[in-house]
Each structure stands twice: as C-alpha cells, then as structure tokens.
PDB file of N, CA and C in Angstrom:
ATOM      1  N   MET A   1     -17.027  15.986  88.593  1.00  0.00           N
ATOM      2  CA  MET A   1     -15.509  15.943  88.759  1.00  0.00           C
ATOM      3  C   MET A   1     -15.199  14.750  89.862  1.00  0.00           C
ATOM      4  N   ILE A   2     -14.531  13.733  89.591  1.00  0.00           N
ATOM      5  CA  ILE A   2     -14.283  12.629  90.479  1.00  0.00           C
ATOM      6  C   ILE A   2     -12.600  12.365  90.456  1.00  0.00           C
ATOM      7  N   GLY A   3     -12.098  11.936  91.487  1.00  0.00           N
ATOM      8  CA  GLY A   3     -10.635  11.053  91.442  1.00  0.00           C
ATOM      9  C   GLY A   3      -9.988  12.016  90.724  1.00  0.00           C
ATOM     10  N   ALA A   4      -9.125  11.441  89.972  1.00  0.00           N
ATOM     11  CA  ALA A   4      -7.701  11.819  89.397  1.00  0.00           C
ATOM     12  C   ALA A   4      -8.038  13.341  88.657  1.00  0.00           C
ATOM     13  N   GLU A   5      -9.054  13.655  88.135  1.00  0.00           N
ATOM     14  CA  GLU A   5      -9.486  15.092  87.477  1.00  0.00           C
ATOM     15  C   GLU A   5      -9.712  16.021  88.387  1.00  0.00           C
ATOM     16  N   GLY A   6     -10.240  15.601  89.719  1.00  0.00           N
ATOM     17  CA  GLY A   6     -10.510  16.518  90.690  1.00  0.00           C
ATOM     18  C   GLY A   6      -9.012  16.891  91.739  1.00  0.00           C
ATOM     19  N   GLU A   7      -8.189  16.084  91.436  1.00  0.00           N
ATOM     20  CA  GLU A   7      -6.852  15.929  92.362  1.00  0.00           C
ATOM     21  C   GLU A   7      -5.853  16.910  91.403  1.00  0.00           C
ATOM     22  N   SER A   8      -6.203  16.578  90.019  1.00  0.00           N
ATOM     23  CA  SER A   8      -5.361  17.607  89.142  1.00  0.00           C
ATOM     24  C   SER A   8      -5.652  18.869  89.166  1.00  0.00           C
ATOM     25  N   GLN A   9      -7.125  19.282  89.329  1.00  0.00           N
ATOM     26  CA  GLN A   9      -7.464  20.476  89.562  1.00  0.00           C
ATOM     27  C   GLN A   9      -7.085  21.128  90.655  1.00  0.00           C
ATOM     28  N   ALA A  10      -7.012  20.412  91.847  1.00  0.00           N
ATOM     29  CA  ALA A  10      -6.646  20.929  93.180  1.00  0.00           C
ATOM     30  C   ALA A  10      -5.130  21.334  92.925  1.00  0.00           C
ATOM     31  N   ALA A  11      -4.402  20.422  92.502  1.00  0.00           N
ATOM     32  CA  ALA A  11      -2.690  20.422  92.341  1.00  0.00           C
ATOM     33  C   ALA A  11      -2.774  21.734  91.370  1.00  0.00           C
ATOM     34  N   LEU A  12      -3.077  22.153  90.446  1.00  0.00           N
ATOM     35  CA  LEU A  12      -2.873  23.093  89.625  1.00  0.00           C
ATOM     36  C   LEU A  12      -3.410  24.287  90.487  1.00  0.00           C
ATOM     37  N   ALA A  13      -4.396  24.380  91.138  1.00  0.00           N
ATOM     38  CA  ALA A  13      -4.802  25.666  91.891  1.00  0.00           C
ATOM     39  C   ALA A  13      -3.612  25.834  92.915  1.00  0.00           C
ATOM     40  N   LEU A  14      -3.223  24.849  93.687  1.00  0.00           N
ATOM     41  CA  LEU A  14      -2.147  24.956  94.835  1.00  0.00           C
ATOM     42  C   LEU A  14      -1.002  25.550  94.245  1.00  0.00           C
ATOM     43  N   GLN A  15      -0.781  24.935  92.991  1.00  0.00           N
ATOM     44  CA  GLN A  15       0.595  25.300  92.057  1.00  0.00           C
ATOM     45  C   GLN A  15       0.502  26.787  91.983  1.00  0.00           C
ATOM     46  N   GLU A  16      -0.557  27.245  91.383  1.00  0.00           N
ATOM     47  CA  GLU A  16      -0.730  28.664  91.045  1.00  0.00           C
ATOM     48  C   GLU A  16      -0.501  29.782  91.988  1.00  0.00           C
ATOM     49  N   LYS A  17      -0.749  29.192  93.441  1.00  0.00           N
ATOM     50  CA  LYS A  17      -0.445  29.727  94.583  1.00  0.00           C
ATOM     51  C   LYS A  17       1.195  29.653  95.214  1.00  0.00           C
ATOM     52  N   GLY A  18       1.683  29.203  94.219  1.00  0.00           N
ATOM     53  CA  GLY A  18       3.107  29.090  94.407  1.00  0.00           C
ATOM     54  C   GLY A  18       3.557  27.578  95.205  1.00  0.00           C
ATOM     55  N   MET A  19       2.882  26.902  95.233  1.00  0.00           N
ATOM     56  CA  MET A  19       3.584  25.583  96.205  1.00  0.00           C
ATOM     57  C   MET A  19       4.020  24.733  94.943  1.00  0.00           C
ATOM     58  N   GLN A  20       4.886  23.902  95.596  1.00  0.00           N
ATOM     59  CA  GLN A  20       5.318  23.172  94.696  1.00  0.00           C
ATOM     60  C   GLN A  20       4.957  21.548  95.026  1.00  0.00           C
ATOM     61  N   LEU A  21       4.378  20.905  94.060  1.00  0.00           N
ATOM     62  CA  LEU A  21       4.057  19.499  93.966  1.00  0.00           C
ATOM     63  C   LEU A  21       5.022  18.478  94.177  1.00  0.00           C
ATOM     64  N   ILE A  22       5.056  17.680  95.357  1.00  0.00           N
ATOM     65  CA  ILE A  22       6.053  16.692  95.396  1.00  0.00           C
ATOM     66  C   ILE A  22       5.570  15.290  95.419  1.00  0.00           C
ATOM     67  N   GLY A  23       4.115  15.218  95.454  1.00  0.00           N
ATOM     68  CA  GLY A  23       3.699  13.537  95.429  1.00  0.00           C
ATOM     69  C   GLY A  23       2.248  13.795  95.256  1.00  0.00           C
ATOM     70  N   ARG A  24       1.702  12.629  94.382  1.00  0.00           N
ATOM     71  CA  ARG A  24       0.090  12.567  94.386  1.00  0.00           C
ATOM     72  C   ARG A  24      -0.280  11.011  94.809  1.00  0.00           C
ATOM     73  N   ASN A  25      -1.337  10.901  95.180  1.00  0.00           N
ATOM     74  CA  ASN A  25      -1.893   9.457  95.712  1.00  0.00           C
ATOM     75  C   ASN A  25      -0.859   8.610  96.622  1.00  0.00           C
ATOM     76  N   ILE A  26      -0.367   9.237  97.564  1.00  0.00           N
ATOM     77  CA  ILE A  26       0.825   8.715  98.447  1.00  0.00           C
ATOM     78  C   ILE A  26       0.041   7.669  99.205  1.00  0.00           C
ATOM     79  N   ARG A  27       0.456   6.263  98.977  1.00  0.00           N
ATOM     80  CA  ARG A  27      -0.453   5.295  99.702  1.00  0.00           C
ATOM     81  C   ARG A  27       0.612   4.297 100.526  1.00  0.00           C
ATOM     82  N   TYR A  28       0.496   4.035 101.388  1.00  0.00           N
ATOM     83  CA  TYR A  28       1.105   3.137 102.773  1.00  0.00           C
ATOM     84  C   TYR A  28      -0.247   2.304 103.480  1.00  0.00           C
ATOM     85  N   LYS A  29       0.329   1.459 103.917  1.00  0.00           N
ATOM     86  CA  LYS A  29      -0.652   0.421 104.758  1.00  0.00           C
ATOM     87  C   LYS A  29      -1.453   1.098 105.639  1.00  0.00           C
ATOM     88  N   THR A  30      -0.939   2.581 106.146  1.00  0.00           N
ATOM     89  CA  THR A  30      -1.775   3.387 106.991  1.00  0.00           C
ATOM     90  C   THR A  30      -2.853   4.133 106.062  1.00  0.00           C
ATOM     91  N   GLY A  31      -2.834   4.452 105.062  1.00  0.00           N
ATOM     92  CA  GLY A  31      -4.009   5.056 104.331  1.00  0.00           C
ATOM     93  C   GLY A  31      -3.301   5.981 102.956  1.00  0.00           C
ATOM     94  N   GLU A  32      -3.963   6.870 102.542  1.00  0.00           N
ATOM     95  CA  GLU A  32      -3.674   7.701 101.489  1.00  0.00           C
ATOM     96  C   GLU A  32      -3.606   9.037 101.748  1.00  0.00           C
ATOM     97  N   ILE A  33      -2.723   9.617 101.085  1.00  0.00           N
ATOM     98  CA  ILE A  33      -2.798  11.161 101.086  1.00  0.00           C
ATOM     99  C   ILE A  33      -2.753  11.523  99.592  1.00  0.00           C
ATOM    100  N   ASP A  34      -3.986  12.312  99.244  1.00  0.00           N
ATOM    101  CA  ASP A  34      -4.124  12.832  98.140  1.00  0.00           C
ATOM    102  C   ASP A  34      -3.004  13.574  97.039  1.00  0.00           C
ATOM    103  N   LEU A  35      -2.543  14.758  97.855  1.00  0.00           N
ATOM    104  CA  LEU A  35      -1.268  15.670  97.505  1.00  0.00           C
ATOM    105  C   LEU A  35      -0.297  15.836  98.496  1.00  0.00           C
ATOM    106  N   VAL A  36       0.798  16.073  98.007  1.00  0.00           N
ATOM    107  CA  VAL A  36       2.017  16.435  99.086  1.00  0.00           C
ATOM    108  C   VAL A  36       2.625  17.386  98.694  1.00  0.00           C
ATOM    109  N   LEU A  37       2.676  18.588  99.087  1.00  0.00           N
ATOM    110  CA  LEU A  37       3.457  19.995  98.202  1.00  0.00           C
ATOM    111  C   LEU A  37       4.214  20.427  99.392  1.00  0.00           C
ATOM    112  N   LEU A  38       5.287  21.425  98.690  1.00  0.00           N
ATOM    113  CA  LEU A  38       5.778  22.343  99.632  1.00  0.00           C
ATOM    114  C   LEU A  38       5.385  23.755  99.411  1.00  0.00           C
ATOM    115  N   ASP A  39       5.134  24.421 100.445  1.00  0.00           N
ATOM    116  CA  ASP A  39       4.822  25.728 100.474  1.00  0.00           C
ATOM    117  C   ASP A  39       5.883  26.482 101.351  1.00  0.00           C
ATOM    118  N   ARG A  40       6.636  26.773 100.760  1.00  0.00           N
ATOM    119  CA  ARG A  40       7.993  27.699 101.181  1.00  0.00           C
ATOM    120  C   ARG A  40       8.640  26.499 102.096  1.00  0.00           C
ATOM    121  N   GLU A  41       8.688  26.576 103.285  1.00  0.00           N
ATOM    122  CA  GLU A  41       9.177  25.789 104.137  1.00  0.00           C
ATOM    123  C   GLU A  41       8.459  24.680 104.911  1.00  0.00           C
ATOM    124  N   ASP A  42       7.184  24.710 104.545  1.00  0.00           N
ATOM    125  CA  ASP A  42       6.245  23.937 105.075  1.00  0.00           C
ATOM    126  C   ASP A  42       5.939  22.483 104.229  1.00  0.00           C
ATOM    127  N   LEU A  43       5.996  21.636 104.561  1.00  0.00           N
ATOM    128  CA  LEU A  43       5.334  20.527 104.072  1.00  0.00           C
ATOM    129  C   LEU A  43       4.024  20.072 104.238  1.00  0.00           C
ATOM    130  N   VAL A  44       3.223  20.158 103.037  1.00  0.00           N
ATOM    131  CA  VAL A  44       1.616  20.209 103.109  1.00  0.00           C
ATOM    132  C   VAL A  44       1.239  19.088 102.574  1.00  0.00           C
ATOM    133  N   PHE A  45       0.243  18.481 103.533  1.00  0.00           N
ATOM    134  CA  PHE A  45      -0.295  17.108 103.163  1.00  0.00           C
ATOM    135  C   PHE A  45      -1.785  17.433 102.907  1.00  0.00           C
ATOM    136  N   VAL A  46      -2.494  17.262 101.696  1.00  0.00           N
ATOM    137  CA  VAL A  46      -3.776  17.485 101.382  1.00  0.00           C
ATOM    138  C   VAL A  46      -4.837  16.738 101.129  1.00  0.00           C
ATOM    139  N   GLU A  47      -5.801  16.709 101.715  1.00  0.00           N
ATOM    140  CA  GLU A  47      -7.140  15.915 101.307  1.00  0.00           C
ATOM    141  C   GLU A  47      -7.901  16.785 100.318  1.00  0.00           C
ATOM    142  N   VAL A  48      -8.175  16.023  98.993  1.00  0.00           N
ATOM    143  CA  VAL A  48      -9.190  16.792  98.137  1.00  0.00           C
ATOM    144  C   VAL A  48     -10.246  16.103  98.401  1.00  0.00           C
ATOM    145  N   LYS A  49     -11.629  16.977  98.270  1.00  0.00           N
ATOM    146  CA  LYS A  49     -12.991  16.432  98.514  1.00  0.00           C
ATOM    147  C   LYS A  49     -13.621  16.974  97.545  1.00  0.00           C
ATOM    148  N   ASN A  50     -14.374  16.196  96.645  1.00  0.00           N
ATOM    149  CA  ASN A  50     -15.295  16.751  95.746  1.00  0.00           C
ATOM    150  C   ASN A  50     -16.726  17.146  96.472  1.00  0.00           C
ATOM    151  N   TRP A  51     -17.166  18.160  96.537  1.00  0.00           N
ATOM    152  CA  TRP A  51     -18.649  18.436  97.128  1.00  0.00           C
ATOM    153  C   TRP A  51     -19.688  18.794  95.954  1.00  0.00           C
ATOM    154  N   PRO A  52     -20.589  18.053  96.686  1.00  0.00           N
ATOM    155  CA  PRO A  52     -22.046  17.919  95.762  1.00  0.00           C
ATOM    156  C   PRO A  52     -22.615  19.680  95.354  1.00  0.00           C
ATOM    157  N   ALA A  53     -23.182  19.528  94.507  1.00  0.00           N
ATOM    158  CA  ALA A  53     -23.846  21.093  94.240  1.00  0.00           C
ATOM    159  C   ALA A  53     -24.598  22.017  95.227  1.00  0.00           C
ATOM    160  N   ASN A  54     -25.103  20.927  96.562  1.00  0.00           N
ATOM    161  CA  ASN A  54     -25.681  21.634  97.169  1.00  0.00           C
ATOM    162  C   ASN A  54     -25.322  22.408  98.289  1.00  0.00           C
ATOM    163  N   GLY A  55     -24.187  23.415  98.014  1.00  0.00           N
ATOM    164  CA  GLY A  55     -23.647  24.217  98.789  1.00  0.00           C
ATOM    165  C   GLY A  55     -22.397  24.064  99.833  1.00  0.00           C
ATOM    166  N   LEU A  56     -21.788  24.862 100.169  1.00  0.00           N
ATOM    167  CA  LEU A  56     -20.454  24.808 101.010  1.00  0.00           C
ATOM    168  C   LEU A  56     -20.827  24.808 102.365  1.00  0.00           C
ATOM    169  N   GLU A  57     -21.913  24.475 102.782  1.00  0.00           N
ATOM    170  CA  GLU A  57     -22.437  24.504 104.361  1.00  0.00           C
ATOM    171  C   GLU A  57     -21.698  23.242 104.982  1.00  0.00           C
ATOM    172  N   ASN A  58     -21.324  23.420 106.297  1.00  0.00           N
ATOM    173  CA  ASN A  58     -20.733  22.319 107.096  1.00  0.00           C
ATOM    174  C   ASN A  58     -19.667  21.522 106.290  1.00  0.00           C
ATOM    175  N   LEU A  59     -18.726  22.173 105.838  1.00  0.00           N
ATOM    176  CA  LEU A  59     -17.511  21.482 105.125  1.00  0.00           C
ATOM    177  C   LEU A  59     -16.648  20.710 106.243  1.00  0.00           C
ATOM    178  N   GLU A  60     -16.700  21.346 107.562  1.00  0.00           N
ATOM    179  CA  GLU A  60     -15.921  20.913 108.317  1.00  0.00           C
ATOM    180  C   GLU A  60     -16.182  19.384 108.975  1.00  0.00           C
ATOM    181  N   TYR A  61     -17.440  18.988 108.410  1.00  0.00           N
ATOM    182  CA  TYR A  61     -17.880  17.811 108.864  1.00  0.00           C
ATOM    183  C   TYR A  61     -17.422  16.642 107.811  1.00  0.00           C
ATOM    184  N   MET A  62     -16.905  17.205 106.810  1.00  0.00           N
ATOM    185  CA  MET A  62     -16.444  16.039 105.675  1.00  0.00           C
ATOM    186  C   MET A  62     -15.528  15.267 106.095  1.00  0.00           C
ATOM    187  N   ILE A  63     -14.408  15.756 106.853  1.00  0.00           N
ATOM    188  CA  ILE A  63     -13.286  14.806 107.249  1.00  0.00           C
ATOM    189  C   ILE A  63     -13.175  14.522 108.566  1.00  0.00           C
ATOM    190  N   THR A  64     -13.795  13.216 109.021  1.00  0.00           N
ATOM    191  CA  THR A  64     -14.112  12.715 110.302  1.00  0.00           C
ATOM    192  C   THR A  64     -12.868  12.679 110.992  1.00  0.00           C
ATOM    193  N   GLN A  65     -13.068  12.692 112.313  1.00  0.00           N
ATOM    194  CA  GLN A  65     -11.844  12.259 113.190  1.00  0.00           C
ATOM    195  C   GLN A  65     -11.024  11.022 112.861  1.00  0.00           C
ATOM    196  N   LYS A  66     -11.432  10.103 112.392  1.00  0.00           N
ATOM    197  CA  LYS A  66     -11.142   8.923 112.004  1.00  0.00           C
ATOM    198  C   LYS A  66     -10.315   9.219 110.751  1.00  0.00           C
ATOM    199  N   LYS A  67     -11.009   9.689 109.735  1.00  0.00           N
ATOM    200  CA  LYS A  67     -10.003  10.366 108.616  1.00  0.00           C
ATOM    201  C   LYS A  67      -9.062  11.020 108.705  1.00  0.00           C
ATOM    202  N   GLN A  68      -9.096  12.001 109.710  1.00  0.00           N
ATOM    203  CA  GLN A  68      -7.939  12.915 110.041  1.00  0.00           C
ATOM    204  C   GLN A  68      -6.642  11.844 110.734  1.00  0.00           C
ATOM    205  N   ARG A  69      -7.133  11.189 111.659  1.00  0.00           N
ATOM    206  CA  ARG A  69      -6.166  10.291 112.116  1.00  0.00           C
ATOM    207  C   ARG A  69      -5.329   9.372 111.094  1.00  0.00           C
ATOM    208  N   ARG A  70      -6.179   8.873 110.047  1.00  0.00           N
ATOM    209  CA  ARG A  70      -5.542   8.084 109.015  1.00  0.00           C
ATOM    210  C   ARG A  70      -4.681   8.902 108.245  1.00  0.00           C
ATOM    211  N   ILE A  71      -5.002  10.126 108.007  1.00  0.00           N
ATOM    212  CA  ILE A  71      -4.154  10.938 107.025  1.00  0.00           C
ATOM    213  C   ILE A  71      -2.816  11.524 108.159  1.00  0.00           C
ATOM    214  N   ILE A  72      -2.851  11.728 109.098  1.00  0.00           N
ATOM    215  CA  ILE A  72      -1.819  12.182 110.072  1.00  0.00           C
ATOM    216  C   ILE A  72      -0.924  10.593 110.011  1.00  0.00           C
ATOM    217  N   GLU A  73      -1.180   9.651 110.294  1.00  0.00           N
ATOM    218  CA  GLU A  73      -0.507   8.265 110.334  1.00  0.00           C
ATOM    219  C   GLU A  73       0.265   8.194 109.128  1.00  0.00           C
ATOM    220  N   THR A  74      -0.552   8.281 108.128  1.00  0.00           N
ATOM    221  CA  THR A  74       0.178   8.278 106.616  1.00  0.00           C
ATOM    222  C   THR A  74       1.286   9.057 106.513  1.00  0.00           C
ATOM    223  N   ALA A  75       0.996  10.450 106.973  1.00  0.00           N
ATOM    224  CA  ALA A  75       2.132  11.443 106.788  1.00  0.00           C
ATOM    225  C   ALA A  75       3.310  11.078 107.564  1.00  0.00           C
ATOM    226  N   LYS A  76       3.064  10.656 108.907  1.00  0.00           N
ATOM    227  CA  LYS A  76       4.188  10.139 109.744  1.00  0.00           C
ATOM    228  C   LYS A  76       4.924   9.073 108.849  1.00  0.00           C
ATOM    229  N   TYR A  77       4.203   8.109 108.266  1.00  0.00           N
ATOM    230  CA  TYR A  77       5.083   6.976 107.577  1.00  0.00           C
ATOM    231  C   TYR A  77       5.621   7.736 106.324  1.00  0.00           C
ATOM    232  N   PHE A  78       5.219   8.859 105.623  1.00  0.00           N
ATOM    233  CA  PHE A  78       5.859   9.349 104.631  1.00  0.00           C
ATOM    234  C   PHE A  78       7.043   9.998 105.004  1.00  0.00           C
ATOM    235  N   LEU A  79       7.077  10.706 106.241  1.00  0.00           N
ATOM    236  CA  LEU A  79       8.194  11.418 106.655  1.00  0.00           C
ATOM    237  C   LEU A  79       9.157  10.322 107.051  1.00  0.00           C
ATOM    238  N   ALA A  80       8.693   9.200 107.491  1.00  0.00           N
ATOM    239  CA  ALA A  80       9.775   8.301 107.815  1.00  0.00           C
ATOM    240  C   ALA A  80      10.405   7.603 106.602  1.00  0.00           C
ATOM    241  N   VAL A  81       9.836   7.641 105.542  1.00  0.00           N
ATOM    242  CA  VAL A  81      10.444   6.925 104.125  1.00  0.00           C
ATOM    243  C   VAL A  81      11.130   8.090 103.790  1.00  0.00           C
ATOM    244  N   HIS A  82      10.709   9.336 103.624  1.00  0.00           N
ATOM    245  CA  HIS A  82      11.207  10.479 103.064  1.00  0.00           C
ATOM    246  C   HIS A  82      12.133  11.338 104.316  1.00  0.00           C
ATOM    247  N   ARG A  83      13.115  10.960 104.435  1.00  0.00           N
ATOM    248  CA  ARG A  83      13.734  11.549 105.698  1.00  0.00           C
ATOM    249  C   ARG A  83      14.170  13.062 105.286  1.00  0.00           C
ATOM    250  N   LYS A  84      14.639  13.284 104.147  1.00  0.00           N
ATOM    251  CA  LYS A  84      14.866  14.803 103.856  1.00  0.00           C
ATOM    252  C   LYS A  84      13.861  15.810 104.104  1.00  0.00           C
ATOM    253  N   TYR A  85      12.489  15.516 104.475  1.00  0.00           N
ATOM    254  CA  TYR A  85      11.563  16.362 104.894  1.00  0.00           C
ATOM    255  C   TYR A  85      11.410  16.214 106.391  1.00  0.00           C
ATOM    256  N   LYS A  86      12.354  15.547 106.995  1.00  0.00           N
ATOM    257  CA  LYS A  86      11.846  15.439 108.627  1.00  0.00           C
ATOM    258  C   LYS A  86      12.116  16.739 109.420  1.00  0.00           C
ATOM    259  N   TYR A  87      12.739  17.557 108.845  1.00  0.00           N
ATOM    260  CA  TYR A  87      12.872  18.718 109.843  1.00  0.00           C
ATOM    261  C   TYR A  87      11.887  19.938 109.341  1.00  0.00           C
ATOM    262  N   ARG A  88      10.969  19.793 108.516  1.00  0.00           N
ATOM    263  CA  ARG A  88      10.158  20.821 108.031  1.00  0.00           C
ATOM    264  C   ARG A  88       8.772  20.861 108.767  1.00  0.00           C
ATOM    265  N   SER A  89       8.192  22.040 108.956  1.00  0.00           N
ATOM    266  CA  SER A  89       7.137  22.242 109.473  1.00  0.00           C
ATOM    267  C   SER A  89       6.123  21.521 108.656  1.00  0.00           C
ATOM    268  N   ILE A  90       5.089  20.925 109.091  1.00  0.00           N
ATOM    269  CA  ILE A  90       3.852  20.109 108.480  1.00  0.00           C
ATOM    270  C   ILE A  90       2.776  20.796 108.952  1.00  0.00           C
ATOM    271  N   ARG A  91       1.758  20.702 107.948  1.00  0.00           N
ATOM    272  CA  ARG A  91       0.283  21.112 107.997  1.00  0.00           C
ATOM    273  C   ARG A  91      -0.634  20.093 107.158  1.00  0.00           C
ATOM    274  N   PHE A  92      -1.860  20.345 107.638  1.00  0.00           N
ATOM    275  CA  PHE A  92      -2.948  19.390 106.717  1.00  0.00           C
ATOM    276  C   PHE A  92      -4.019  20.686 106.492  1.00  0.00           C
ATOM    277  N   ASP A  93      -3.762  20.385 104.858  1.00  0.00           N
ATOM    278  CA  ASP A  93      -4.990  21.355 104.374  1.00  0.00           C
ATOM    279  C   ASP A  93      -5.858  20.383 103.929  1.00  0.00           C
ATOM    280  N   ILE A  94      -7.167  21.051 103.289  1.00  0.00           N
ATOM    281  CA  ILE A  94      -8.065  20.494 102.895  1.00  0.00           C
ATOM    282  C   ILE A  94      -8.547  21.198 101.570  1.00  0.00           C
ATOM    283  N   VAL A  95      -8.817  20.775 100.320  1.00  0.00           N
ATOM    284  CA  VAL A  95      -9.268  21.413  99.306  1.00  0.00           C
ATOM    285  C   VAL A  95     -10.656  20.829  98.938  1.00  0.00           C
ATOM    286  N   PHE A  96     -11.526  21.758  98.763  1.00  0.00           N
ATOM    287  CA  PHE A  96     -13.001  21.160  98.305  1.00  0.00           C
ATOM    288  C   PHE A  96     -13.150  21.623  96.938  1.00  0.00           C
ATOM    289  N   LEU A  97     -13.681  20.740  95.974  1.00  0.00           N
ATOM    290  CA  LEU A  97     -14.313  21.067  94.872  1.00  0.00           C
ATOM    291  C   LEU A  97     -15.690  21.039  94.632  1.00  0.00           C
ATOM    292  N   GLN A  98     -16.151  22.041  94.021  1.00  0.00           N
ATOM    293  CA  GLN A  98     -17.613  22.190  93.527  1.00  0.00           C
ATOM    294  C   GLN A  98     -17.875  22.394  92.375  1.00  0.00           C
ATOM    295  N   PRO A  99     -18.801  21.631  91.391  1.00  0.00           N
ATOM    296  CA  PRO A  99     -18.810  21.924  90.154  1.00  0.00           C
ATOM    297  C   PRO A  99     -19.227  23.311  89.871  1.00  0.00           C
ATOM    298  N   GLY A 100     -18.497  24.019  88.758  1.00  0.00           N
ATOM    299  CA  GLY A 100     -18.778  25.364  88.504  1.00  0.00           C
ATOM    300  C   GLY A 100     -18.552  26.328  89.254  1.00  0.00           C
ATOM    301  N   GLU A 101     -17.660  26.031  90.564  1.00  0.00           N
ATOM    302  CA  GLU A 101     -17.497  27.062  91.664  1.00  0.00           C
ATOM    303  C   GLU A 101     -15.863  27.215  91.700  1.00  0.00           C
ATOM    304  N   PRO A 102     -15.271  28.264  92.407  1.00  0.00           N
ATOM    305  CA  PRO A 102     -13.979  28.266  92.506  1.00  0.00           C
ATOM    306  C   PRO A 102     -13.338  27.107  93.699  1.00  0.00           C
ATOM    307  N   VAL A 103     -12.115  26.941  93.451  1.00  0.00           N
ATOM    308  CA  VAL A 103     -11.686  25.903  94.447  1.00  0.00           C
ATOM    309  C   VAL A 103     -11.620  26.513  95.944  1.00  0.00           C
ATOM    310  N   VAL A 104     -12.005  25.751  97.240  1.00  0.00           N
ATOM    311  CA  VAL A 104     -12.007  26.260  98.073  1.00  0.00           C
ATOM    312  C   VAL A 104     -10.744  25.643  99.053  1.00  0.00           C
ATOM    313  N   HIS A 105      -9.905  26.261  99.562  1.00  0.00           N
ATOM    314  CA  HIS A 105      -8.602  25.653 100.131  1.00  0.00           C
ATOM    315  C   HIS A 105      -8.464  26.227 101.599  1.00  0.00           C
ATOM    316  N   LEU A 106      -8.811  25.113 102.188  1.00  0.00           N
ATOM    317  CA  LEU A 106      -8.543  25.458 104.019  1.00  0.00           C
ATOM    318  C   LEU A 106      -7.237  25.156 104.402  1.00  0.00           C
ATOM    319  N   VAL A 107      -6.504  26.134 104.722  1.00  0.00           N
ATOM    320  CA  VAL A 107      -5.048  26.043 105.089  1.00  0.00           C
ATOM    321  C   VAL A 107      -5.170  25.703 106.543  1.00  0.00           C
ATOM    322  N   SER A 108      -4.150  24.436 107.018  1.00  0.00           N
ATOM    323  CA  SER A 108      -4.203  24.092 108.625  1.00  0.00           C
ATOM    324  C   SER A 108      -5.482  23.762 108.835  1.00  0.00           C
ATOM    325  N   ALA A 109      -6.281  23.007 108.087  1.00  0.00           N
ATOM    326  CA  ALA A 109      -7.802  22.466 108.408  1.00  0.00           C
ATOM    327  C   ALA A 109      -7.714  21.670 109.578  1.00  0.00           C
ATOM    328  N   PHE A 110      -6.733  20.905 110.073  1.00  0.00           N
ATOM    329  CA  PHE A 110      -6.984  20.359 111.132  1.00  0.00           C
ATOM    330  C   PHE A 110      -5.241  19.931 111.552  1.00  0.00           C
ATOM    331  N   THR A 111      -4.995  19.461 112.787  1.00  0.00           N
ATOM    332  CA  THR A 111      -3.647  19.247 113.191  1.00  0.00           C
ATOM    333  C   THR A 111      -3.697  17.950 114.078  1.00  0.00           C
ATOM    334  N   GLU A 112      -2.571  17.466 114.692  1.00  0.00           N
ATOM    335  CA  GLU A 112      -2.539  16.223 115.075  1.00  0.00           C
ATOM    336  C   GLU A 112      -3.359  16.135 116.349  1.00  0.00           C
ATOM    337  N   SER A 113      -3.312  17.420 117.018  1.00  0.00           N
ATOM    338  CA  SER A 113      -3.962  17.576 118.413  1.00  0.00           C
ATOM    339  C   SER A 113      -5.612  17.652 118.293  1.00  0.00           C
ATOM    340  N   THR A 114      -5.875  17.598 117.226  1.00  0.00           N
ATOM    341  CA  THR A 114      -7.666  18.072 117.030  1.00  0.00           C
ATOM    342  C   THR A 114      -8.470  16.579 116.763  1.00  0.00           C
TER     343      THR A 114
END
C-alpha cells in the first residue's frame, strides 16, 4: 500500500473515529502534510507512514526531528493561510499502516517543543 491508497485508508480510519477530514496532501514551500482533520475542537495534522511487514518495533524512529520540524512549519503556514482555524488547539498525529494489520494511530505523537 503506497501513497494515495494508504492516505485514503488512514483518512477513512480517522473518520470512523469521528474526525472530520478538511484537507489532504497540503503542500507549501515548507513541506507537505498528508492529512488535516478536525477532532472535536482540535485541528490535527497527520503524517501517514507505510510500515514494512517486519513488525512495529521502533515506530518512534520513523519520523526524524528534521521531518517533525518541516511538518510543524508547514502547519504554521497552513494556519496563516486558513485563518479560521487559528484559535484551535493543534496536535500532530502519526498513522502507521502495515499490510494486513490494523491501522496504528499515535495521538499527539510529537509537539513543537520535542
């Protein structure tokens, strides 16, 4: 499962949890965010990762500090462009997809201060 198919699976899984999809593949000069959703009052920026069939160990190492910074900067740019969301709490989640396994959703996987 790659690219758009994986993002579609992740979006569906999050929508089944009651989240509202508001954007996919958000791209700016600062980077890309795979999914943007609303979870009640929170604006959630989601990175989707396909994980090979070799297990779910060490998931936390998949998103480097550099990648986190790019996602955070892109989220800031998104908020500057879409000002209607500027007063919402934000969080950064990661969704891991592994063939034949349930979706793994890490809520608040990282913050700007990590």
